[in-house]
Amino acid sequence: MRRLLEESGKLLDVKLEVLAIDSTGLREDDASFYYAKKSGKKRKSWTKMTIVVDVETQVILSGDVRYGPGNDGVILREMFERGDILSCDILLADSGYDCRGNEEIAVFRPIKRGGCYKSSERINIFLRWLFCHIVGLYGKRWIVETVISVIKRRFGDRIKSRSPYSKLVEAHLIPVAYNIWRFFILPHHTFPTHLTYTT
C-alpha cells in the first residue's frame, strides 16, 4: 500500500518543499455525526487516517492508518522512523503533534496550550512556528484540511468493510483513490464524481 501511494504521488511531479500533515477519523457505523451527538452515544473506536500532503499540488504523499483514538505526536514520530515522510524544507502541523520526543523533528507547529517554553528545544519550536506565522506560510496548513474535506465529500467518511483487516485495507486505498481522482478525473470533469470501495 505504501509503494502504491508513493507511485501515485509521483505522477504529478511533486516538488517537496512545503508539506502539511493532519489526521481524521472514519466512522465504522451508519450513524451520522448529528445522530451520535444528539443521542449522546460516544464512539469508542474508529479508523484513524493520517495523511501528508504537498501544499502546492494537494497530492497525498504518504499516510498512516490505525484504530483510534491515538496520539498524533506518536504517529508523527513513528512515520519519521519508518521513513514515510519524505525530505522537505518545511512540514506544517497543528498543536496536536506537539509532544515529548518530537523536539528533534523539524516540524513547524504551535506549542500546546499550557505547554512549557523553558528548554531551548521548546523555544526553537516556538520561534520556527512564529516565523512561519509572520510570513504567512503557516496559513497553508489548511490545505491538508481541504484535502480531507474533499476525500469525505467524494469518497464518504464511513468504512464499509466488516473485517478488521479489510477496514485497514479500505482506509489505505482512500488516499490512492484520491490521487487517481485528482490526476485523471478532476482535470476532465467527464468521469463519475463519486468513487466507492467495497469488499
C-alpha atoms as a PDB file:
ATOM      1  CA  MET A   1       0.000   0.000   0.000  1.00  0.00           C
ATOM      2  CA  ARG A   2       2.837   2.398   0.848  1.00  0.00           C
ATOM      3  CA  ARG A   3       4.553   1.800  -2.515  1.00  0.00           C
ATOM      4  CA  LEU A   4       1.269   2.256  -4.372  1.00  0.00           C
ATOM      5  CA  LEU A   5       0.679   5.609  -2.667  1.00  0.00           C
ATOM      6  CA  GLU A   6       4.219   6.789  -3.439  1.00  0.00           C
ATOM      7  CA  GLU A   7       3.882   5.886  -7.116  1.00  0.00           C
ATOM      8  CA  SER A   8       0.529   7.668  -7.412  1.00  0.00           C
ATOM      9  CA  GLY A   9       2.131  10.792  -5.918  1.00  0.00           C
ATOM     10  CA  LYS A  10       4.983  10.734  -8.442  1.00  0.00           C
ATOM     11  CA  LEU A  11       2.511  11.112 -11.324  1.00  0.00           C
ATOM     12  CA  LEU A  12       2.107  14.805 -10.567  1.00  0.00           C
ATOM     13  CA  ASP A  13       5.852  15.657 -10.365  1.00  0.00           C
ATOM     14  CA  VAL A  14       5.611  16.897  -6.778  1.00  0.00           C
ATOM     15  CA  LYS A  15       8.145  19.446  -5.571  1.00  0.00           C
ATOM     16  CA  LEU A  16       8.959  18.521  -1.997  1.00  0.00           C
ATOM     17  CA  GLU A  17       9.224  21.974  -0.456  1.00  0.00           C
ATOM     18  CA  VAL A  18       6.308  22.554   1.916  1.00  0.00           C
ATOM     19  CA  LEU A  19       4.266  19.634   3.257  1.00  0.00           C
ATOM     20  CA  ALA A  20       1.414  19.519   5.767  1.00  0.00           C
ATOM     21  CA  ILE A  21       0.227  16.685   7.993  1.00  0.00           C
ATOM     22  CA  ASP A  22      -3.128  16.077   9.658  1.00  0.00           C
ATOM     23  CA  SER A  23      -5.405  13.214  10.661  1.00  0.00           C
ATOM     24  CA  THR A  24      -9.104  12.463  10.549  1.00  0.00           C
ATOM     25  CA  GLY A  25     -11.480   9.800  11.770  1.00  0.00           C
ATOM     26  CA  LEU A  26     -13.510   7.466   9.559  1.00  0.00           C
ATOM     27  CA  ARG A  27     -16.661   6.089  11.151  1.00  0.00           C
ATOM     28  CA  GLU A  28     -17.443   2.393  11.006  1.00  0.00           C
ATOM     29  CA  ASP A  29     -21.228   2.545  11.504  1.00  0.00           C
ATOM     30  CA  ASP A  30     -24.199   4.120   9.755  1.00  0.00           C
ATOM     31  CA  ALA A  31     -24.885   6.707  12.458  1.00  0.00           C
ATOM     32  CA  SER A  32     -24.234  10.248  11.326  1.00  0.00           C
ATOM     33  CA  PHE A  33     -22.272  12.745  13.402  1.00  0.00           C
ATOM     34  CA  TYR A  34     -25.524  14.625  14.115  1.00  0.00           C
ATOM     35  CA  TYR A  35     -27.246  11.482  15.409  1.00  0.00           C
ATOM     36  CA  ALA A  36     -24.279  10.496  17.528  1.00  0.00           C
ATOM     37  CA  LYS A  37     -24.181  13.973  19.060  1.00  0.00           C
ATOM     38  CA  LYS A  38     -27.921  14.080  19.776  1.00  0.00           C
ATOM     39  CA  SER A  39     -28.090  10.551  21.175  1.00  0.00           C
ATOM     40  CA  GLY A  40     -25.123  11.151  23.447  1.00  0.00           C
ATOM     41  CA  LYS A  41     -23.512   7.864  22.425  1.00  0.00           C
ATOM     42  CA  LYS A  42     -19.768   8.319  22.028  1.00  0.00           C
ATOM     43  CA  ARG A  43     -17.876   6.195  19.564  1.00  0.00           C
ATOM     44  CA  LYS A  44     -15.413   4.012  21.451  1.00  0.00           C
ATOM     45  CA  SER A  45     -13.196   3.385  18.421  1.00  0.00           C
ATOM     46  CA  TRP A  46     -12.878   4.357  14.805  1.00  0.00           C
ATOM     47  CA  THR A  47     -10.406   4.177  11.948  1.00  0.00           C
ATOM     48  CA  LYS A  48      -7.861   6.990  12.138  1.00  0.00           C
ATOM     49  CA  MET A  49      -6.214   8.119   8.906  1.00  0.00           C
ATOM     50  CA  THR A  50      -3.170  10.421   8.857  1.00  0.00           C
ATOM     51  CA  ILE A  51      -2.022  11.970   5.580  1.00  0.00           C
ATOM     52  CA  VAL A  52       0.943  14.071   4.444  1.00  0.00           C
ATOM     53  CA  VAL A  53       0.049  16.489   1.630  1.00  0.00           C
ATOM     54  CA  ASP A  54       2.124  18.668  -0.682  1.00  0.00           C
ATOM     55  CA  VAL A  55       0.559  22.117  -0.272  1.00  0.00           C
ATOM     56  CA  GLU A  56       1.268  23.212  -3.863  1.00  0.00           C
ATOM     57  CA  THR A  57      -0.249  20.269  -5.739  1.00  0.00           C
ATOM     58  CA  GLN A  58      -2.559  18.961  -2.962  1.00  0.00           C
ATOM     59  CA  VAL A  59      -1.273  15.436  -3.619  1.00  0.00           C
ATOM     60  CA  ILE A  60      -1.112  12.907  -0.778  1.00  0.00           C
ATOM     61  CA  LEU A  61       2.474  11.674  -0.472  1.00  0.00           C
ATOM     62  CA  SER A  62       2.220   9.285   2.471  1.00  0.00           C
ATOM     63  CA  GLY A  63      -0.172   8.187   5.171  1.00  0.00           C
ATOM     64  CA  ASP A  64      -0.798   6.108   8.248  1.00  0.00           C
ATOM     65  CA  VAL A  65      -3.899   4.104   9.153  1.00  0.00           C
ATOM     66  CA  ARG A  66      -4.707   2.617  12.550  1.00  0.00           C
ATOM     67  CA  TYR A  67      -7.550   2.291  15.006  1.00  0.00           C
ATOM     68  CA  GLY A  68      -8.365   5.426  17.001  1.00  0.00           C
ATOM     69  CA  PRO A  69      -8.176   7.167  19.279  1.00  0.00           C
ATOM     70  CA  GLY A  70      -4.437   7.763  19.196  1.00  0.00           C
ATOM     71  CA  ASN A  71      -1.764  10.358  19.909  1.00  0.00           C
ATOM     72  CA  ASP A  72      -0.893  12.435  16.839  1.00  0.00           C
ATOM     73  CA  GLY A  73       2.609  13.125  18.136  1.00  0.00           C
ATOM     74  CA  VAL A  74       3.357   9.418  18.454  1.00  0.00           C
ATOM     75  CA  ILE A  75       2.084   8.794  14.922  1.00  0.00           C
ATOM     76  CA  LEU A  76       4.327  11.565  13.595  1.00  0.00           C
ATOM     77  CA  ARG A  77       7.395  10.107  15.298  1.00  0.00           C
ATOM     78  CA  GLU A  78       6.661   6.595  14.037  1.00  0.00           C
ATOM     79  CA  MET A  79       6.166   7.859  10.473  1.00  0.00           C
ATOM     80  CA  PHE A  80       9.555   9.572  10.622  1.00  0.00           C
ATOM     81  CA  GLU A  81      11.211   6.458  11.986  1.00  0.00           C
ATOM     82  CA  ARG A  82       9.721   4.358   9.170  1.00  0.00           C
ATOM     83  CA  GLY A  83      10.761   6.922   6.559  1.00  0.00           C
ATOM     84  CA  ASP A  84       7.182   7.551   5.447  1.00  0.00           C
ATOM     85  CA  ILE A  85       7.619  11.335   5.463  1.00  0.00           C
ATOM     86  CA  LEU A  86       9.819  12.358   2.565  1.00  0.00           C
ATOM     87  CA  SER A  87      12.505  15.025   2.764  1.00  0.00           C
ATOM     88  CA  CYS A  88      11.139  18.563   2.588  1.00  0.00           C
ATOM     89  CA  ASP A  89      12.013  22.112   3.584  1.00  0.00           C
ATOM     90  CA  ILE A  90       9.038  22.672   5.871  1.00  0.00           C
ATOM     91  CA  LEU A  91       6.468  20.342   7.439  1.00  0.00           C
ATOM     92  CA  LEU A  92       3.389  22.116   8.811  1.00  0.00           C
ATOM     93  CA  ALA A  93       1.272  20.628  11.604  1.00  0.00           C
ATOM     94  CA  ASP A  94      -1.157  21.686  14.325  1.00  0.00           C
ATOM     95  CA  SER A  95      -0.572  21.621  18.078  1.00  0.00           C
ATOM     96  CA  GLY A  96      -1.808  18.029  18.288  1.00  0.00           C
ATOM     97  CA  TYR A  97       1.601  16.904  17.044  1.00  0.00           C
ATOM     98  CA  ASP A  98       3.415  18.700  19.837  1.00  0.00           C
ATOM     99  CA  CYS A  99       4.539  16.084  22.348  1.00  0.00           C
ATOM    100  CA  ARG A 100       7.644  14.962  24.205  1.00  0.00           C
ATOM    101  CA  GLY A 101      10.129  13.183  21.989  1.00  0.00           C
ATOM    102  CA  ASN A 102       9.379  15.165  18.830  1.00  0.00           C
ATOM    103  CA  GLU A 103      11.734  18.069  19.545  1.00  0.00           C
ATOM    104  CA  GLU A 104      14.302  16.815  17.027  1.00  0.00           C
ATOM    105  CA  ILE A 105      11.757  16.542  14.213  1.00  0.00           C
ATOM    106  CA  ALA A 106      11.860  19.647  12.010  1.00  0.00           C
ATOM    107  CA  VAL A 107       8.121  20.257  12.025  1.00  0.00           C
ATOM    108  CA  PHE A 108       6.578  23.719  12.245  1.00  0.00           C
ATOM    109  CA  ARG A 109       3.788  23.528  14.808  1.00  0.00           C
ATOM    110  CA  PRO A 110       2.422  25.697  17.625  1.00  0.00           C
ATOM    111  CA  ILE A 111       3.046  24.814  21.252  1.00  0.00           C
ATOM    112  CA  LYS A 112       0.121  23.194  23.021  1.00  0.00           C
ATOM    113  CA  ARG A 113      -1.906  25.471  25.271  1.00  0.00           C
ATOM    114  CA  GLY A 114      -0.236  25.452  28.660  1.00  0.00           C
ATOM    115  CA  GLY A 115       2.949  23.991  27.199  1.00  0.00           C
ATOM    116  CA  CYS A 116       6.415  24.714  28.572  1.00  0.00           C
ATOM    117  CA  TYR A 117       8.845  27.177  26.923  1.00  0.00           C
ATOM    118  CA  LYS A 118      11.799  26.688  29.281  1.00  0.00           C
ATOM    119  CA  SER A 119      14.086  24.395  27.288  1.00  0.00           C
ATOM    120  CA  SER A 120      15.990  25.580  24.225  1.00  0.00           C
ATOM    121  CA  GLU A 121      14.291  22.914  22.085  1.00  0.00           C
ATOM    122  CA  ARG A 122      10.840  24.233  23.001  1.00  0.00           C
ATOM    123  CA  ILE A 123      11.925  27.807  22.348  1.00  0.00           C
ATOM    124  CA  ASN A 124      13.222  26.801  18.909  1.00  0.00           C
ATOM    125  CA  ILE A 125       9.883  25.105  18.125  1.00  0.00           C
ATOM    126  CA  PHE A 126       8.031  28.280  19.064  1.00  0.00           C
ATOM    127  CA  LEU A 127      10.375  30.508  17.024  1.00  0.00           C
ATOM    128  CA  ARG A 128      10.010  28.274  13.957  1.00  0.00           C
ATOM    129  CA  TRP A 129       6.238  28.423  14.204  1.00  0.00           C
ATOM    130  CA  LEU A 130       6.291  32.185  14.844  1.00  0.00           C
ATOM    131  CA  PHE A 131       8.415  32.761  11.735  1.00  0.00           C
ATOM    132  CA  CYS A 132       6.016  30.731   9.564  1.00  0.00           C
ATOM    133  CA  HIS A 133       3.062  32.568  11.089  1.00  0.00           C
ATOM    134  CA  ILE A 134       4.546  36.034  10.473  1.00  0.00           C
ATOM    135  CA  VAL A 135       5.450  35.402   6.834  1.00  0.00           C
ATOM    136  CA  GLY A 136       2.058  33.793   6.198  1.00  0.00           C
ATOM    137  CA  LEU A 137       3.437  30.342   5.441  1.00  0.00           C
ATOM    138  CA  TYR A 138       1.689  28.586   8.315  1.00  0.00           C
ATOM    139  CA  GLY A 139      -1.664  29.524   6.808  1.00  0.00           C
ATOM    140  CA  LYS A 140      -1.038  26.929   4.092  1.00  0.00           C
ATOM    141  CA  ARG A 141      -1.621  24.197   6.664  1.00  0.00           C
ATOM    142  CA  TRP A 142      -5.350  24.484   5.967  1.00  0.00           C
ATOM    143  CA  ILE A 143      -4.707  22.853   2.567  1.00  0.00           C
ATOM    144  CA  VAL A 144      -4.368  19.441   4.218  1.00  0.00           C
ATOM    145  CA  GLU A 145      -7.737  20.044   5.889  1.00  0.00           C
ATOM    146  CA  THR A 146      -9.171  20.908   2.475  1.00  0.00           C
ATOM    147  CA  VAL A 147      -7.882  17.600   1.092  1.00  0.00           C
ATOM    148  CA  ILE A 148      -9.522  15.728   3.980  1.00  0.00           C
ATOM    149  CA  SER A 149     -12.786  17.571   3.300  1.00  0.00           C
ATOM    150  CA  VAL A 150     -12.621  16.642  -0.401  1.00  0.00           C
ATOM    151  CA  ILE A 151     -11.978  12.991   0.494  1.00  0.00           C
ATOM    152  CA  LYS A 152     -15.023  12.847   2.743  1.00  0.00           C
ATOM    153  CA  ARG A 153     -17.251  14.558   0.179  1.00  0.00           C
ATOM    154  CA  ARG A 154     -16.116  12.434  -2.760  1.00  0.00           C
ATOM    155  CA  PHE A 155     -15.487   9.071  -1.148  1.00  0.00           C
ATOM    156  CA  GLY A 156     -17.505   9.315   2.051  1.00  0.00           C
ATOM    157  CA  ASP A 157     -16.493   9.332   5.707  1.00  0.00           C
ATOM    158  CA  ARG A 158     -17.519   5.738   6.514  1.00  0.00           C
ATOM    159  CA  ILE A 159     -15.587   2.487   6.284  1.00  0.00           C
ATOM    160  CA  LYS A 160     -17.906  -0.092   4.710  1.00  0.00           C
ATOM    161  CA  SER A 161     -15.792  -3.197   5.234  1.00  0.00           C
ATOM    162  CA  ARG A 162     -16.571  -5.520   8.127  1.00  0.00           C
ATOM    163  CA  SER A 163     -13.448  -7.466   9.000  1.00  0.00           C
ATOM    164  CA  PRO A 164     -10.620  -5.597  10.810  1.00  0.00           C
ATOM    165  CA  TYR A 165      -8.125  -6.370   8.044  1.00  0.00           C
ATOM    166  CA  SER A 166     -10.482  -5.197   5.283  1.00  0.00           C
ATOM    167  CA  LYS A 167     -11.152  -1.961   7.162  1.00  0.00           C
ATOM    168  CA  LEU A 168      -7.455  -1.120   7.206  1.00  0.00           C
ATOM    169  CA  VAL A 169      -7.071  -2.052   3.528  1.00  0.00           C
ATOM    170  CA  GLU A 170     -10.010   0.145   2.554  1.00  0.00           C
ATOM    171  CA  ALA A 171      -8.632   3.082   4.552  1.00  0.00           C
ATOM    172  CA  HIS A 172      -5.203   2.645   2.930  1.00  0.00           C
ATOM    173  CA  LEU A 173      -6.778   2.735  -0.540  1.00  0.00           C
ATOM    174  CA  ILE A 174      -8.611   6.019   0.057  1.00  0.00           C
ATOM    175  CA  PRO A 175      -5.520   8.266  -0.417  1.00  0.00           C
ATOM    176  CA  VAL A 176      -4.558   6.285  -3.537  1.00  0.00           C
ATOM    177  CA  ALA A 177      -8.067   6.730  -4.959  1.00  0.00           C
ATOM    178  CA  TYR A 178      -7.898  10.461  -4.183  1.00  0.00           C
ATOM    179  CA  ASN A 179      -4.593  10.860  -6.064  1.00  0.00           C
ATOM    180  CA  ILE A 180      -6.011   8.982  -9.072  1.00  0.00           C
ATOM    181  CA  TRP A 181      -9.163  11.110  -8.974  1.00  0.00           C
ATOM    182  CA  ARG A 182      -7.149  14.317  -8.806  1.00  0.00           C
ATOM    183  CA  PHE A 183      -4.812  13.362 -11.655  1.00  0.00           C
ATOM    184  CA  PHE A 184      -7.123  11.600 -14.118  1.00  0.00           C
ATOM    185  CA  ILE A 185     -10.698  12.639 -13.295  1.00  0.00           C
ATOM    186  CA  LEU A 186     -10.637  16.198 -11.947  1.00  0.00           C
ATOM    187  CA  PRO A 187      -8.979  17.858 -14.998  1.00  0.00           C
ATOM    188  CA  HIS A 188     -11.587  16.448 -17.413  1.00  0.00           C
ATOM    189  CA  HIS A 189     -14.847  16.550 -15.427  1.00  0.00           C
ATOM    190  CA  THR A 190     -16.326  13.886 -17.683  1.00  0.00           C
ATOM    191  CA  PHE A 191     -15.887  10.920 -15.358  1.00  0.00           C
ATOM    192  CA  PRO A 192     -18.147   9.920 -12.452  1.00  0.00           C
ATOM    193  CA  THR A 193     -17.751  12.264  -9.497  1.00  0.00           C
ATOM    194  CA  HIS A 194     -18.149   9.565  -6.848  1.00  0.00           C
ATOM    195  CA  LEU A 195     -15.977   6.507  -6.343  1.00  0.00           C
ATOM    196  CA  THR A 196     -16.570   3.837  -3.711  1.00  0.00           C
ATOM    197  CA  TYR A 197     -14.621   0.881  -2.438  1.00  0.00           C
ATOM    198  CA  THR A 198     -16.394  -2.161  -1.052  1.00  0.00           C
ATOM    199  CA  THR A 199     -15.355  -5.680  -0.097  1.00  0.00           C
END
